[in-house]
Amino acid sequence: MRQPGNSLARFARAHGMPAYALDGNDVRAVALVAEEAVQRARGGGGPSFIEAVTYRWRGHVGPREDMDVGVRRGDDLVIWKQRDPVGRLVGALAARGWFSADAAAALDREVQSEIDAAWQRAEVAPFPETAALLDLVYAMPGGGTR
């Protein structure tokens, strides 16, 4: 963000658009606000602006945390990792008896297995044809995609 400490939602509000600034690491809060915005849009109420405030754990490129490139992230990163949205959701569900640690571990294994399989397919897949570069990128007038 180029304006640290200042909510971007204020710009949307200044133009009369419903806007929300919320904890982007609170899955339930994001879902509730998104549902409200979707219902407003589907009901003809126009767009909404949702600013889900969070923290980028990793570097701009690749899996590194970039703790060693002159970026002062040490304390912030530790604090934000404690607010991990997946961990918070699992904890909240477990506290209500709706999800167990065993179920969370099984789901983690299942998701990791899907990721590993997709990675393996990607490693051996041929590169797409140059002509397909813009396929599914832009919506076309009247529907469909390029």
C-alpha atoms as a PDB file:
ATOM      1  CA  MET A   1       0.000   0.000   0.000  1.00  0.00           C
ATOM      2  CA  ARG A   2       1.385   3.397  -0.878  1.00  0.00           C
ATOM      3  CA  GLN A   3      -0.545   5.102   1.917  1.00  0.00           C
ATOM      4  CA  PRO A   4       0.285   3.140   5.063  1.00  0.00           C
ATOM      5  CA  GLY A   5      -2.021   3.740   7.954  1.00  0.00           C
ATOM      6  CA  ASN A   6      -4.719   5.269   5.785  1.00  0.00           C
ATOM      7  CA  SER A   7      -7.745   3.315   4.717  1.00  0.00           C
ATOM      8  CA  LEU A   8      -8.372   3.112   0.995  1.00  0.00           C
ATOM      9  CA  ALA A   9     -12.087   2.638   1.679  1.00  0.00           C
ATOM     10  CA  ARG A  10     -12.321   6.362   2.357  1.00  0.00           C
ATOM     11  CA  PHE A  11     -11.815   7.059  -1.352  1.00  0.00           C
ATOM     12  CA  ALA A  12     -14.773   4.875  -2.276  1.00  0.00           C
ATOM     13  CA  ARG A  13     -16.925   6.528   0.404  1.00  0.00           C
ATOM     14  CA  ALA A  14     -15.937   9.943  -0.943  1.00  0.00           C
ATOM     15  CA  HIS A  15     -17.538   8.905  -4.223  1.00  0.00           C
ATOM     16  CA  GLY A  16     -20.727   7.666  -2.587  1.00  0.00           C
ATOM     17  CA  MET A  17     -19.884   3.967  -2.818  1.00  0.00           C
ATOM     18  CA  PRO A  18     -20.604   1.689   0.147  1.00  0.00           C
ATOM     19  CA  ALA A  19     -17.192   0.790   1.516  1.00  0.00           C
ATOM     20  CA  TYR A  20     -15.833  -1.448   4.230  1.00  0.00           C
ATOM     21  CA  ALA A  21     -12.424  -1.672   5.849  1.00  0.00           C
ATOM     22  CA  LEU A  22     -12.069  -4.845   7.851  1.00  0.00           C
ATOM     23  CA  ASP A  23      -9.681  -7.461   9.168  1.00  0.00           C
ATOM     24  CA  GLY A  24      -8.785  -9.446   6.066  1.00  0.00           C
ATOM     25  CA  ASN A  25      -7.560 -12.287   8.274  1.00  0.00           C
ATOM     26  CA  ASP A  26     -11.025 -12.839   9.750  1.00  0.00           C
ATOM     27  CA  VAL A  27     -12.596 -15.273   7.292  1.00  0.00           C
ATOM     28  CA  ARG A  28     -16.067 -14.929   8.782  1.00  0.00           C
ATOM     29  CA  ALA A  29     -16.017 -11.114   8.703  1.00  0.00           C
ATOM     30  CA  VAL A  30     -14.857 -11.112   5.076  1.00  0.00           C
ATOM     31  CA  ALA A  31     -17.546 -13.622   4.097  1.00  0.00           C
ATOM     32  CA  LEU A  32     -20.303 -11.615   5.777  1.00  0.00           C
ATOM     33  CA  VAL A  33     -19.269  -8.329   4.188  1.00  0.00           C
ATOM     34  CA  ALA A  34     -18.802  -9.963   0.785  1.00  0.00           C
ATOM     35  CA  GLU A  35     -22.265 -11.537   1.007  1.00  0.00           C
ATOM     36  CA  GLU A  36     -23.784  -8.155   1.823  1.00  0.00           C
ATOM     37  CA  ALA A  37     -21.963  -6.542  -1.112  1.00  0.00           C
ATOM     38  CA  VAL A  38     -23.047  -9.314  -3.493  1.00  0.00           C
ATOM     39  CA  GLN A  39     -26.671  -9.031  -2.402  1.00  0.00           C
ATOM     40  CA  ARG A  40     -26.569  -5.249  -2.835  1.00  0.00           C
ATOM     41  CA  ALA A  41     -25.112  -5.596  -6.340  1.00  0.00           C
ATOM     42  CA  ARG A  42     -27.578  -8.318  -7.363  1.00  0.00           C
ATOM     43  CA  GLY A  43     -30.407  -6.185  -6.052  1.00  0.00           C
ATOM     44  CA  GLY A  44     -29.394  -3.295  -8.291  1.00  0.00           C
ATOM     45  CA  GLY A  45     -27.599  -1.327  -5.569  1.00  0.00           C
ATOM     46  CA  GLY A  46     -24.347  -1.077  -7.501  1.00  0.00           C
ATOM     47  CA  PRO A  47     -20.799  -1.904  -6.488  1.00  0.00           C
ATOM     48  CA  SER A  48     -19.222  -1.944  -3.061  1.00  0.00           C
ATOM     49  CA  PHE A  49     -15.605  -1.495  -2.045  1.00  0.00           C
ATOM     50  CA  ILE A  50     -14.102  -4.017   0.369  1.00  0.00           C
ATOM     51  CA  GLU A  51     -10.725  -3.288   1.891  1.00  0.00           C
ATOM     52  CA  ALA A  52      -9.613  -6.493   3.585  1.00  0.00           C
ATOM     53  CA  VAL A  53      -6.539  -5.411   5.538  1.00  0.00           C
ATOM     54  CA  THR A  54      -3.871  -8.100   5.743  1.00  0.00           C
ATOM     55  CA  TYR A  55      -0.118  -8.575   5.506  1.00  0.00           C
ATOM     56  CA  ARG A  56       1.992 -10.130   2.774  1.00  0.00           C
ATOM     57  CA  TRP A  57       3.997 -12.890   4.447  1.00  0.00           C
ATOM     58  CA  ARG A  58       6.129 -13.798   1.496  1.00  0.00           C
ATOM     59  CA  GLY A  59       8.261 -11.880  -0.947  1.00  0.00           C
ATOM     60  CA  HIS A  60       6.895 -10.374  -4.123  1.00  0.00           C
ATOM     61  CA  VAL A  61       8.308 -13.266  -6.095  1.00  0.00           C
ATOM     62  CA  GLY A  62       8.754 -16.785  -4.827  1.00  0.00           C
ATOM     63  CA  PRO A  63       8.352 -18.430  -1.476  1.00  0.00           C
ATOM     64  CA  ARG A  64      10.876 -16.376   0.525  1.00  0.00           C
ATOM     65  CA  GLU A  65       9.843 -14.226   3.471  1.00  0.00           C
ATOM     66  CA  ASP A  66      12.412 -11.559   2.458  1.00  0.00           C
ATOM     67  CA  MET A  67      13.566 -11.002   6.004  1.00  0.00           C
ATOM     68  CA  ASP A  68      17.117 -10.387   4.809  1.00  0.00           C
ATOM     69  CA  VAL A  69      16.751  -7.761   2.090  1.00  0.00           C
ATOM     70  CA  GLY A  70      16.657  -4.617   4.185  1.00  0.00           C
ATOM     71  CA  VAL A  71      12.911  -4.730   4.718  1.00  0.00           C
ATOM     72  CA  ARG A  72      11.990  -4.247   8.350  1.00  0.00           C
ATOM     73  CA  ARG A  73       9.504  -7.040   8.743  1.00  0.00           C
ATOM     74  CA  GLY A  74      10.633  -9.091  11.732  1.00  0.00           C
ATOM     75  CA  ASP A  75       8.157  -8.093  14.438  1.00  0.00           C
ATOM     76  CA  ASP A  76       5.303  -7.352  12.058  1.00  0.00           C
ATOM     77  CA  LEU A  77       5.619 -10.741  10.388  1.00  0.00           C
ATOM     78  CA  VAL A  78       5.519 -12.582  13.705  1.00  0.00           C
ATOM     79  CA  ILE A  79       2.425 -10.658  14.803  1.00  0.00           C
ATOM     80  CA  TRP A  80       0.623 -11.235  11.507  1.00  0.00           C
ATOM     81  CA  LYS A  81       1.474 -14.942  11.480  1.00  0.00           C
ATOM     82  CA  GLN A  82      -0.320 -15.211  14.820  1.00  0.00           C
ATOM     83  CA  ARG A  83      -3.387 -13.867  13.017  1.00  0.00           C
ATOM     84  CA  ASP A  84      -3.223 -16.520  10.265  1.00  0.00           C
ATOM     85  CA  PRO A  85      -6.737 -16.646   8.770  1.00  0.00           C
ATOM     86  CA  VAL A  86      -6.761 -20.414   8.264  1.00  0.00           C
ATOM     87  CA  GLY A  87      -5.519 -21.093  11.772  1.00  0.00           C
ATOM     88  CA  ARG A  88      -8.033 -18.659  13.240  1.00  0.00           C
ATOM     89  CA  LEU A  89     -10.904 -20.256  11.335  1.00  0.00           C
ATOM     90  CA  VAL A  90      -9.892 -23.784  12.319  1.00  0.00           C
ATOM     91  CA  GLY A  91      -9.558 -22.656  15.946  1.00  0.00           C
ATOM     92  CA  ALA A  92     -12.989 -21.026  15.935  1.00  0.00           C
ATOM     93  CA  LEU A  93     -14.616 -24.077  14.370  1.00  0.00           C
ATOM     94  CA  ALA A  94     -12.833 -26.408  16.805  1.00  0.00           C
ATOM     95  CA  ALA A  95     -13.913 -24.281  19.775  1.00  0.00           C
ATOM     96  CA  ARG A  96     -17.531 -24.786  18.710  1.00  0.00           C
ATOM     97  CA  GLY A  97     -16.993 -28.514  18.228  1.00  0.00           C
ATOM     98  CA  TRP A  98     -17.576 -28.246  14.478  1.00  0.00           C
ATOM     99  CA  PHE A  99     -14.081 -29.273  13.405  1.00  0.00           C
ATOM    100  CA  SER A 100     -11.390 -31.361  15.067  1.00  0.00           C
ATOM    101  CA  ALA A 101      -7.606 -31.261  14.925  1.00  0.00           C
ATOM    102  CA  ASP A 102      -7.738 -34.647  13.193  1.00  0.00           C
ATOM    103  CA  ALA A 103     -10.134 -33.311  10.558  1.00  0.00           C
ATOM    104  CA  ALA A 104      -7.888 -30.286  10.017  1.00  0.00           C
ATOM    105  CA  ALA A 105      -4.835 -32.519   9.578  1.00  0.00           C
ATOM    106  CA  ALA A 106      -6.710 -34.763   7.138  1.00  0.00           C
ATOM    107  CA  LEU A 107      -7.844 -31.737   5.137  1.00  0.00           C
ATOM    108  CA  ASP A 108      -4.281 -30.391   5.085  1.00  0.00           C
ATOM    109  CA  ARG A 109      -3.035 -33.722   3.713  1.00  0.00           C
ATOM    110  CA  GLU A 110      -5.779 -33.797   1.077  1.00  0.00           C
ATOM    111  CA  VAL A 111      -5.072 -30.249  -0.078  1.00  0.00           C
ATOM    112  CA  GLN A 112      -1.312 -30.861  -0.150  1.00  0.00           C
ATOM    113  CA  SER A 113      -1.905 -33.990  -2.214  1.00  0.00           C
ATOM    114  CA  GLU A 114      -3.961 -31.978  -4.734  1.00  0.00           C
ATOM    115  CA  ILE A 115      -1.256 -29.316  -4.877  1.00  0.00           C
ATOM    116  CA  ASP A 116       1.461 -31.904  -5.417  1.00  0.00           C
ATOM    117  CA  ALA A 117      -0.532 -33.590  -8.203  1.00  0.00           C
ATOM    118  CA  ALA A 118      -1.217 -30.241  -9.914  1.00  0.00           C
ATOM    119  CA  TRP A 119       2.457 -29.317  -9.647  1.00  0.00           C
ATOM    120  CA  GLN A 120       3.475 -32.623 -11.237  1.00  0.00           C
ATOM    121  CA  ARG A 121       1.005 -32.113 -14.101  1.00  0.00           C
ATOM    122  CA  ALA A 122       2.302 -28.574 -14.629  1.00  0.00           C
ATOM    123  CA  GLU A 123       5.913 -29.729 -14.717  1.00  0.00           C
ATOM    124  CA  VAL A 124       5.267 -32.077 -17.651  1.00  0.00           C
ATOM    125  CA  ALA A 125       2.592 -30.052 -19.464  1.00  0.00           C
ATOM    126  CA  PRO A 126       3.586 -28.375 -22.717  1.00  0.00           C
ATOM    127  CA  PHE A 127       3.664 -24.611 -22.871  1.00  0.00           C
ATOM    128  CA  PRO A 128       0.496 -23.149 -24.399  1.00  0.00           C
ATOM    129  CA  GLU A 129       0.508 -21.814 -27.925  1.00  0.00           C
ATOM    130  CA  THR A 130       1.263 -18.100 -28.232  1.00  0.00           C
ATOM    131  CA  ALA A 131      -2.148 -17.578 -29.851  1.00  0.00           C
ATOM    132  CA  ALA A 132      -3.782 -18.651 -26.570  1.00  0.00           C
ATOM    133  CA  LEU A 133      -2.063 -15.906 -24.563  1.00  0.00           C
ATOM    134  CA  LEU A 134      -5.202 -13.826 -24.067  1.00  0.00           C
ATOM    135  CA  ASP A 135      -7.682 -16.690 -23.818  1.00  0.00           C
ATOM    136  CA  LEU A 136      -9.926 -16.335 -20.780  1.00  0.00           C
ATOM    137  CA  VAL A 137      -8.358 -13.015 -19.822  1.00  0.00           C
ATOM    138  CA  TYR A 138     -10.905 -10.491 -21.045  1.00  0.00           C
ATOM    139  CA  ALA A 139     -14.681 -10.693 -21.087  1.00  0.00           C
ATOM    140  CA  MET A 140     -16.071  -9.843 -24.483  1.00  0.00           C
ATOM    141  CA  PRO A 141     -19.050  -7.576 -25.084  1.00  0.00           C
ATOM    142  CA  GLY A 142     -22.174  -9.701 -25.217  1.00  0.00           C
ATOM    143  CA  GLY A 143     -20.596 -12.457 -23.150  1.00  0.00           C
ATOM    144  CA  GLY A 144     -17.953 -15.030 -23.719  1.00  0.00           C
ATOM    145  CA  THR A 145     -14.225 -14.652 -23.437  1.00  0.00           C
ATOM    146  CA  ARG A 146     -11.317 -14.292 -25.776  1.00  0.00           C
END
